[in-house]
Amino acid sequence: MNRCYRIVMVAVTFALLGAAFGAFAEPEVATISLGRNPEPPLCVLPNGTVTFTWDIQHLTTPNYVHYQLEDPTRTIIIEQQDYPGSTGLNIVRNWVVPPGSAEGKYWIRVEYWSFEASNEANAEVTFYVCNETGSICLQKWEDVDLDNQCDPAGGLDAPVPNWWLCITTPQGDTFCLQTDANGQVCWTGLPLGVYTAFEPAVAGWHVASGASTYSVQVTANTPPVIFCNQQDQTATEKGSWGGVKSLFR
């Protein structure tokens, strides 16, 4: 009887401890959906407005939500605010870019703090600020007549739709779009500077003329960049999505 009694008492003790400490389980982690408008690669001019939105899903008890906006060096906090309790779970706020603001990539950070887990979830996004904007268009052509050049003005050469073409900004961010029916993608409202324009390598295709990567000075009137390819005669045509996915692995 004594042995049974001791076993029962130990079980009860652990049951009480489990209830006191949440059955030894970690608190549910919150999720933050953080967005901004406009998104990069578009940039915001002085006196322009950036809109920040976030929504926080949680199962714990909110303590507060912390928001802060950082300059491109991430050493200066331009503005910040703590939302007590549940007041900061669904927010829309705007920031007007002051004249004279430094150009570059700005950072938004949102932190969710709960009573159960303290700093439970964090999220960050960026946006661009610039004083002038430019644009760039990329074109994809197939050298159908196999003369090692692409002639958009005539002949048999044809634009290639649904092909992924990409740019890397001076800030080091990469963005890709699929070509339209005219074999073209365009970005407008870009910060000025030197960009890398490129096409992901695709099995069954090779460069007919030019290159697969270009360094481009983006200005208000940037000439279009043309990618000229031939299909390998023995290869089966494949899409370019696999090449794009490899960029982000």
C-alpha atoms as a PDB file:
ATOM      1  CA  MET A   1       0.000   0.000   0.000  1.00  0.00           C
ATOM      2  CA  ASN A   2       2.799   2.391   0.852  1.00  0.00           C
ATOM      3  CA  ARG A   3       4.501   1.893  -2.534  1.00  0.00           C
ATOM      4  CA  CYS A   4       1.251   2.507  -4.402  1.00  0.00           C
ATOM      5  CA  TYR A   5       0.614   5.606  -2.340  1.00  0.00           C
ATOM      6  CA  ARG A   6       4.048   7.040  -3.204  1.00  0.00           C
ATOM      7  CA  ILE A   7       3.544   6.414  -6.923  1.00  0.00           C
ATOM      8  CA  VAL A   8       0.155   8.136  -6.875  1.00  0.00           C
ATOM      9  CA  MET A   9       1.607  11.143  -5.019  1.00  0.00           C
ATOM     10  CA  VAL A  10       4.467  11.489  -7.558  1.00  0.00           C
ATOM     11  CA  ALA A  11       1.991  11.364 -10.450  1.00  0.00           C
ATOM     12  CA  VAL A  12      -0.168  14.035  -8.817  1.00  0.00           C
ATOM     13  CA  THR A  13       2.871  16.224  -8.252  1.00  0.00           C
ATOM     14  CA  PHE A  14       3.858  16.085 -11.946  1.00  0.00           C
ATOM     15  CA  ALA A  15       0.284  16.753 -12.980  1.00  0.00           C
ATOM     16  CA  LEU A  16       0.217  19.898 -10.860  1.00  0.00           C
ATOM     17  CA  LEU A  17       3.556  21.062 -12.244  1.00  0.00           C
ATOM     18  CA  GLY A  18       2.355  20.428 -15.783  1.00  0.00           C
ATOM     19  CA  ALA A  19      -0.731  22.533 -15.196  1.00  0.00           C
ATOM     20  CA  ALA A  20       1.347  25.319 -13.678  1.00  0.00           C
ATOM     21  CA  PHE A  21       3.846  25.444 -16.548  1.00  0.00           C
ATOM     22  CA  GLY A  22       1.535  24.757 -19.464  1.00  0.00           C
ATOM     23  CA  ALA A  23       2.172  21.012 -19.514  1.00  0.00           C
ATOM     24  CA  PHE A  24       5.814  21.775 -20.390  1.00  0.00           C
ATOM     25  CA  ALA A  25       4.749  22.916 -23.885  1.00  0.00           C
ATOM     26  CA  GLU A  26       6.171  25.944 -25.659  1.00  0.00           C
ATOM     27  CA  PRO A  27       3.649  28.770 -26.198  1.00  0.00           C
ATOM     28  CA  GLU A  28       2.178  28.990 -29.669  1.00  0.00           C
ATOM     29  CA  VAL A  29       4.345  31.212 -31.896  1.00  0.00           C
ATOM     30  CA  ALA A  30       2.554  34.222 -33.379  1.00  0.00           C
ATOM     31  CA  THR A  31       2.735  35.079 -37.087  1.00  0.00           C
ATOM     32  CA  ILE A  32       3.105  38.616 -38.466  1.00  0.00           C
ATOM     33  CA  SER A  33       1.927  39.509 -41.974  1.00  0.00           C
ATOM     34  CA  LEU A  34       3.843  42.720 -42.714  1.00  0.00           C
ATOM     35  CA  GLY A  35       3.536  44.659 -45.957  1.00  0.00           C
ATOM     36  CA  ARG A  36       4.297  48.028 -47.536  1.00  0.00           C
ATOM     37  CA  ASN A  37       3.177  49.996 -50.551  1.00  0.00           C
ATOM     38  CA  PRO A  38       4.906  50.627 -52.870  1.00  0.00           C
ATOM     39  CA  GLU A  39       7.081  47.523 -52.807  1.00  0.00           C
ATOM     40  CA  PRO A  40      10.620  47.464 -54.231  1.00  0.00           C
ATOM     41  CA  PRO A  41      11.957  47.835 -56.826  1.00  0.00           C
ATOM     42  CA  LEU A  42       9.709  50.922 -57.019  1.00  0.00           C
ATOM     43  CA  CYS A  43      11.006  53.841 -54.971  1.00  0.00           C
ATOM     44  CA  VAL A  44       9.325  56.703 -53.133  1.00  0.00           C
ATOM     45  CA  LEU A  45      10.226  60.302 -53.922  1.00  0.00           C
ATOM     46  CA  PRO A  46      10.480  63.116 -51.341  1.00  0.00           C
ATOM     47  CA  ASN A  47       7.000  64.095 -50.095  1.00  0.00           C
ATOM     48  CA  GLY A  48       5.756  60.704 -51.291  1.00  0.00           C
ATOM     49  CA  THR A  49       3.881  58.381 -48.959  1.00  0.00           C
ATOM     50  CA  VAL A  50       4.707  54.832 -47.920  1.00  0.00           C
ATOM     51  CA  THR A  51       1.890  52.794 -46.373  1.00  0.00           C
ATOM     52  CA  PHE A  52       2.735  50.085 -43.837  1.00  0.00           C
ATOM     53  CA  THR A  53       0.247  47.388 -42.888  1.00  0.00           C
ATOM     54  CA  TRP A  54       0.480  44.428 -40.568  1.00  0.00           C
ATOM     55  CA  ASP A  55      -1.773  41.766 -39.129  1.00  0.00           C
ATOM     56  CA  ILE A  56      -0.734  39.512 -36.239  1.00  0.00           C
ATOM     57  CA  GLN A  57      -2.264  36.091 -35.603  1.00  0.00           C
ATOM     58  CA  HIS A  58      -1.648  34.743 -32.097  1.00  0.00           C
ATOM     59  CA  LEU A  59      -2.886  32.396 -29.381  1.00  0.00           C
ATOM     60  CA  THR A  60      -0.995  33.979 -26.495  1.00  0.00           C
ATOM     61  CA  THR A  61      -1.887  37.066 -24.472  1.00  0.00           C
ATOM     62  CA  PRO A  62      -0.600  40.257 -26.170  1.00  0.00           C
ATOM     63  CA  ASN A  63       1.714  42.387 -24.058  1.00  0.00           C
ATOM     64  CA  TYR A  64       2.585  44.980 -26.699  1.00  0.00           C
ATOM     65  CA  VAL A  65       3.570  45.383 -30.354  1.00  0.00           C
ATOM     66  CA  HIS A  66       6.708  47.372 -31.168  1.00  0.00           C
ATOM     67  CA  TYR A  67       7.128  49.178 -34.515  1.00  0.00           C
ATOM     68  CA  GLN A  68      10.196  51.001 -35.781  1.00  0.00           C
ATOM     69  CA  LEU A  69      11.408  52.553 -39.033  1.00  0.00           C
ATOM     70  CA  GLU A  70      15.176  52.517 -39.669  1.00  0.00           C
ATOM     71  CA  ASP A  71      17.331  54.505 -42.093  1.00  0.00           C
ATOM     72  CA  PRO A  72      19.475  52.768 -44.767  1.00  0.00           C
ATOM     73  CA  THR A  73      22.401  52.375 -42.349  1.00  0.00           C
ATOM     74  CA  ARG A  74      20.121  50.696 -39.783  1.00  0.00           C
ATOM     75  CA  THR A  75      21.794  52.822 -37.108  1.00  0.00           C
ATOM     76  CA  ILE A  76      19.140  55.558 -36.903  1.00  0.00           C
ATOM     77  CA  ILE A  77      15.559  54.906 -35.806  1.00  0.00           C
ATOM     78  CA  ILE A  78      13.454  57.443 -37.688  1.00  0.00           C
ATOM     79  CA  GLU A  79      10.260  56.693 -35.804  1.00  0.00           C
ATOM     80  CA  GLN A  80       8.982  54.043 -33.429  1.00  0.00           C
ATOM     81  CA  GLN A  81       5.915  53.232 -31.356  1.00  0.00           C
ATOM     82  CA  ASP A  82       4.749  50.672 -28.819  1.00  0.00           C
ATOM     83  CA  TYR A  83       1.112  49.550 -29.057  1.00  0.00           C
ATOM     84  CA  PRO A  84      -0.035  48.224 -25.653  1.00  0.00           C
ATOM     85  CA  GLY A  85      -2.021  45.012 -25.332  1.00  0.00           C
ATOM     86  CA  SER A  86      -3.981  44.083 -28.446  1.00  0.00           C
ATOM     87  CA  THR A  87      -4.099  47.621 -29.903  1.00  0.00           C
ATOM     88  CA  GLY A  88      -1.306  46.914 -32.393  1.00  0.00           C
ATOM     89  CA  LEU A  89      -2.525  43.668 -33.920  1.00  0.00           C
ATOM     90  CA  ASN A  90      -4.096  45.163 -37.081  1.00  0.00           C
ATOM     91  CA  ILE A  91      -2.470  48.404 -38.173  1.00  0.00           C
ATOM     92  CA  VAL A  92      -2.348  50.719 -41.192  1.00  0.00           C
ATOM     93  CA  ARG A  93       0.050  53.644 -40.882  1.00  0.00           C
ATOM     94  CA  ASN A  94       1.673  56.052 -43.338  1.00  0.00           C
ATOM     95  CA  TRP A  95       5.044  57.757 -43.519  1.00  0.00           C
ATOM     96  CA  VAL A  96       5.648  60.800 -45.722  1.00  0.00           C
ATOM     97  CA  VAL A  97       9.245  60.944 -46.958  1.00  0.00           C
ATOM     98  CA  PRO A  98      10.768  64.240 -45.769  1.00  0.00           C
ATOM     99  CA  PRO A  99      12.683  66.295 -48.382  1.00  0.00           C
ATOM    100  CA  GLY A 100      16.399  65.710 -48.034  1.00  0.00           C
ATOM    101  CA  SER A 101      16.040  62.107 -46.852  1.00  0.00           C
ATOM    102  CA  ALA A 102      18.965  59.854 -47.676  1.00  0.00           C
ATOM    103  CA  GLU A 103      18.525  57.660 -50.713  1.00  0.00           C
ATOM    104  CA  GLY A 104      18.627  53.908 -50.239  1.00  0.00           C
ATOM    105  CA  LYS A 105      16.855  50.957 -48.668  1.00  0.00           C
ATOM    106  CA  TYR A 106      14.805  51.682 -45.534  1.00  0.00           C
ATOM    107  CA  TRP A 107      13.776  49.027 -43.027  1.00  0.00           C
ATOM    108  CA  ILE A 108      10.511  48.410 -41.181  1.00  0.00           C
ATOM    109  CA  ARG A 109      10.530  46.103 -38.154  1.00  0.00           C
ATOM    110  CA  VAL A 110       7.540  44.854 -36.166  1.00  0.00           C
ATOM    111  CA  GLU A 111       7.862  42.806 -32.954  1.00  0.00           C
ATOM    112  CA  TYR A 112       5.074  40.955 -31.157  1.00  0.00           C
ATOM    113  CA  TRP A 113       5.558  40.586 -27.384  1.00  0.00           C
ATOM    114  CA  SER A 114       3.340  38.323 -25.298  1.00  0.00           C
ATOM    115  CA  PHE A 115       3.103  37.698 -21.574  1.00  0.00           C
ATOM    116  CA  GLU A 116       3.735  33.974 -22.088  1.00  0.00           C
ATOM    117  CA  ALA A 117       6.747  34.105 -24.438  1.00  0.00           C
ATOM    118  CA  SER A 118       8.119  37.682 -24.292  1.00  0.00           C
ATOM    119  CA  ASN A 119       9.492  38.477 -27.792  1.00  0.00           C
ATOM    120  CA  GLU A 120       7.433  35.889 -29.644  1.00  0.00           C
ATOM    121  CA  ALA A 121       7.575  36.955 -33.311  1.00  0.00           C
ATOM    122  CA  ASN A 122       9.395  39.486 -35.506  1.00  0.00           C
ATOM    123  CA  ALA A 123       9.003  40.627 -39.114  1.00  0.00           C
ATOM    124  CA  GLU A 124      10.959  42.976 -41.375  1.00  0.00           C
ATOM    125  CA  VAL A 125      10.411  44.457 -44.831  1.00  0.00           C
ATOM    126  CA  THR A 126      12.185  47.137 -46.855  1.00  0.00           C
ATOM    127  CA  PHE A 127      11.336  49.929 -49.272  1.00  0.00           C
ATOM    128  CA  TYR A 128      13.368  52.320 -51.427  1.00  0.00           C
ATOM    129  CA  VAL A 129      13.672  56.103 -51.247  1.00  0.00           C
ATOM    130  CA  CYS A 130      15.207  58.087 -54.126  1.00  0.00           C
ATOM    131  CA  ASN A 131      15.300  61.622 -55.507  1.00  0.00           C
ATOM    132  CA  GLU A 132      14.950  60.635 -59.176  1.00  0.00           C
ATOM    133  CA  THR A 133      13.518  57.620 -60.952  1.00  0.00           C
ATOM    134  CA  GLY A 134      14.351  55.680 -64.079  1.00  0.00           C
ATOM    135  CA  SER A 135      13.059  52.685 -66.023  1.00  0.00           C
ATOM    136  CA  ILE A 136      14.344  49.654 -67.880  1.00  0.00           C
ATOM    137  CA  CYS A 137      12.858  47.173 -70.362  1.00  0.00           C
ATOM    138  CA  LEU A 138      14.251  43.733 -71.169  1.00  0.00           C
ATOM    139  CA  GLN A 139      13.394  41.859 -74.365  1.00  0.00           C
ATOM    140  CA  LYS A 140      13.693  38.166 -75.192  1.00  0.00           C
ATOM    141  CA  TRP A 141      14.118  37.110 -78.825  1.00  0.00           C
ATOM    142  CA  GLU A 142      14.685  33.802 -80.576  1.00  0.00           C
ATOM    143  CA  ASP A 143      17.143  33.676 -83.470  1.00  0.00           C
ATOM    144  CA  VAL A 144      14.838  31.594 -85.658  1.00  0.00           C
ATOM    145  CA  ASP A 145      16.854  31.950 -88.879  1.00  0.00           C
ATOM    146  CA  LEU A 146      20.064  30.909 -87.056  1.00  0.00           C
ATOM    147  CA  ASP A 147      22.166  33.832 -88.324  1.00  0.00           C
ATOM    148  CA  ASN A 148      23.499  34.534 -84.807  1.00  0.00           C
ATOM    149  CA  GLN A 149      21.677  37.806 -84.464  1.00  0.00           C
ATOM    150  CA  CYS A 150      18.168  38.891 -83.517  1.00  0.00           C
ATOM    151  CA  ASP A 151      16.466  41.499 -85.671  1.00  0.00           C
ATOM    152  CA  PRO A 152      13.319  42.850 -84.001  1.00  0.00           C
ATOM    153  CA  ALA A 153      12.652  45.040 -87.060  1.00  0.00           C
ATOM    154  CA  GLY A 154      11.848  42.149 -89.370  1.00  0.00           C
ATOM    155  CA  GLY A 155      12.771  38.724 -90.641  1.00  0.00           C
ATOM    156  CA  LEU A 156      11.974  35.376 -89.089  1.00  0.00           C
ATOM    157  CA  ASP A 157      13.222  36.170 -85.565  1.00  0.00           C
ATOM    158  CA  ALA A 158      10.425  36.155 -83.013  1.00  0.00           C
ATOM    159  CA  PRO A 159       9.815  37.474 -79.497  1.00  0.00           C
ATOM    160  CA  VAL A 160       9.575  34.838 -76.771  1.00  0.00           C
ATOM    161  CA  PRO A 161       6.619  35.192 -74.355  1.00  0.00           C
ATOM    162  CA  ASN A 162       6.377  33.770 -70.828  1.00  0.00           C
ATOM    163  CA  TRP A 163      10.153  33.861 -70.328  1.00  0.00           C
ATOM    164  CA  TRP A 164      11.617  34.907 -66.983  1.00  0.00           C
ATOM    165  CA  LEU A 165      13.955  37.912 -67.106  1.00  0.00           C
ATOM    166  CA  CYS A 166      15.517  39.481 -64.026  1.00  0.00           C
ATOM    167  CA  ILE A 167      17.220  42.557 -62.626  1.00  0.00           C
ATOM    168  CA  THR A 168      19.405  43.007 -59.560  1.00  0.00           C
ATOM    169  CA  THR A 169      19.207  46.504 -58.073  1.00  0.00           C
ATOM    170  CA  PRO A 170      22.126  48.589 -56.773  1.00  0.00           C
ATOM    171  CA  GLN A 171      20.863  47.591 -53.299  1.00  0.00           C
ATOM    172  CA  GLY A 172      21.476  43.905 -54.120  1.00  0.00           C
ATOM    173  CA  ASP A 173      17.828  42.786 -54.438  1.00  0.00           C
ATOM    174  CA  THR A 174      16.752  40.583 -57.360  1.00  0.00           C
ATOM    175  CA  PHE A 175      13.368  40.792 -59.102  1.00  0.00           C
ATOM    176  CA  CYS A 176      12.051  38.681 -61.996  1.00  0.00           C
ATOM    177  CA  LEU A 177       9.084  39.002 -64.356  1.00  0.00           C
ATOM    178  CA  GLN A 178       7.722  36.915 -67.227  1.00  0.00           C
ATOM    179  CA  THR A 179       7.788  38.427 -70.697  1.00  0.00           C
ATOM    180  CA  ASP A 180       4.508  39.490 -72.282  1.00  0.00           C
ATOM    181  CA  ALA A 181       3.213  38.552 -75.738  1.00  0.00           C
ATOM    182  CA  ASN A 182       5.836  40.895 -77.233  1.00  0.00           C
ATOM    183  CA  GLY A 183       8.665  39.180 -75.361  1.00  0.00           C
ATOM    184  CA  GLN A 184       9.199  42.159 -73.065  1.00  0.00           C
ATOM    185  CA  VAL A 185       9.216  43.080 -69.374  1.00  0.00           C
ATOM    186  CA  CYS A 186       9.558  46.611 -68.007  1.00  0.00           C
ATOM    187  CA  TRP A 187      10.176  48.187 -64.620  1.00  0.00           C
ATOM    188  CA  THR A 188       9.441  51.860 -63.979  1.00  0.00           C
ATOM    189  CA  GLY A 189       9.902  54.102 -60.949  1.00  0.00           C
ATOM    190  CA  LEU A 190      13.353  52.657 -60.216  1.00  0.00           C
ATOM    191  CA  PRO A 191      16.151  54.327 -58.278  1.00  0.00           C
ATOM    192  CA  LEU A 192      18.899  55.467 -60.639  1.00  0.00           C
ATOM    193  CA  GLY A 193      22.136  53.476 -60.651  1.00  0.00           C
ATOM    194  CA  VAL A 194      23.907  50.447 -62.058  1.00  0.00           C
ATOM    195  CA  TYR A 195      21.745  47.329 -62.343  1.00  0.00           C
ATOM    196  CA  THR A 196      22.477  43.774 -63.453  1.00  0.00           C
ATOM    197  CA  ALA A 197      20.034  42.508 -66.080  1.00  0.00           C
ATOM    198  CA  PHE A 198      20.115  38.777 -66.738  1.00  0.00           C
ATOM    199  CA  GLU A 199      18.236  35.705 -67.872  1.00  0.00           C
ATOM    200  CA  PRO A 200      18.447  32.430 -65.930  1.00  0.00           C
ATOM    201  CA  ALA A 201      20.110  29.602 -67.807  1.00  0.00           C
ATOM    202  CA  VAL A 202      17.594  27.240 -69.418  1.00  0.00           C
ATOM    203  CA  ALA A 203      18.310  23.765 -70.735  1.00  0.00           C
ATOM    204  CA  GLY A 204      17.765  23.529 -74.485  1.00  0.00           C
ATOM    205  CA  TRP A 205      18.702  27.159 -75.216  1.00  0.00           C
ATOM    206  CA  HIS A 206      22.005  28.953 -75.790  1.00  0.00           C
ATOM    207  CA  VAL A 207      23.076  32.547 -76.449  1.00  0.00           C
ATOM    208  CA  ALA A 208      23.088  33.393 -80.163  1.00  0.00           C
ATOM    209  CA  SER A 209      24.519  36.886 -79.806  1.00  0.00           C
ATOM    210  CA  GLY A 210      25.254  39.276 -76.998  1.00  0.00           C
ATOM    211  CA  ALA A 211      25.285  37.839 -73.494  1.00  0.00           C
ATOM    212  CA  SER A 212      23.045  36.409 -70.788  1.00  0.00           C
ATOM    213  CA  THR A 213      24.066  39.076 -68.259  1.00  0.00           C
ATOM    214  CA  TYR A 214      24.475  42.825 -68.685  1.00  0.00           C
ATOM    215  CA  SER A 215      25.530  45.700 -66.449  1.00  0.00           C
ATOM    216  CA  VAL A 216      23.112  48.549 -67.160  1.00  0.00           C
ATOM    217  CA  GLN A 217      23.129  52.190 -66.053  1.00  0.00           C
ATOM    218  CA  VAL A 218      19.468  52.910 -65.372  1.00  0.00           C
ATOM    219  CA  THR A 219      18.456  56.461 -66.278  1.00  0.00           C
ATOM    220  CA  ALA A 220      15.227  58.216 -67.177  1.00  0.00           C
ATOM    221  CA  ASN A 221      15.562  56.814 -70.731  1.00  0.00           C
ATOM    222  CA  THR A 222      17.446  53.532 -70.527  1.00  0.00           C
ATOM    223  CA  PRO A 223      17.750  51.731 -73.899  1.00  0.00           C
ATOM    224  CA  PRO A 224      16.126  48.283 -73.946  1.00  0.00           C
ATOM    225  CA  VAL A 225      18.297  45.260 -73.224  1.00  0.00           C
ATOM    226  CA  ILE A 226      17.908  42.428 -75.735  1.00  0.00           C
ATOM    227  CA  PHE A 227      18.567  38.760 -74.985  1.00  0.00           C
ATOM    228  CA  CYS A 228      19.056  36.785 -78.202  1.00  0.00           C
ATOM    229  CA  ASN A 229      18.935  32.985 -78.010  1.00  0.00           C
ATOM    230  CA  GLN A 230      18.703  29.915 -80.195  1.00  0.00           C
ATOM    231  CA  GLN A 231      17.059  26.639 -79.337  1.00  0.00           C
ATOM    232  CA  ASP A 232      19.369  23.651 -79.343  1.00  0.00           C
ATOM    233  CA  GLN A 233      18.384  21.599 -82.346  1.00  0.00           C
ATOM    234  CA  THR A 234      18.436  18.323 -80.414  1.00  0.00           C
ATOM    235  CA  ALA A 235      16.860  19.570 -77.187  1.00  0.00           C
ATOM    236  CA  THR A 236      13.273  19.726 -76.132  1.00  0.00           C
ATOM    237  CA  GLU A 237      12.041  23.208 -75.335  1.00  0.00           C
ATOM    238  CA  LYS A 238      11.652  23.814 -71.616  1.00  0.00           C
ATOM    239  CA  GLY A 239      10.279  26.670 -69.557  1.00  0.00           C
ATOM    240  CA  SER A 240      12.563  28.976 -67.598  1.00  0.00           C
ATOM    241  CA  TRP A 241      10.858  28.764 -64.182  1.00  0.00           C
ATOM    242  CA  GLY A 242      13.386  26.198 -62.978  1.00  0.00           C
ATOM    243  CA  GLY A 243      16.201  28.662 -63.587  1.00  0.00           C
ATOM    244  CA  VAL A 244      14.372  31.391 -61.693  1.00  0.00           C
ATOM    245  CA  LYS A 245      13.688  29.114 -58.710  1.00  0.00           C
ATOM    246  CA  SER A 246      17.393  28.313 -58.459  1.00  0.00           C
ATOM    247  CA  LEU A 247      18.100  31.997 -57.766  1.00  0.00           C
ATOM    248  CA  PHE A 248      16.272  31.868 -54.454  1.00  0.00           C
ATOM    249  CA  ARG A 249      17.420  28.530 -53.058  1.00  0.00           C
END
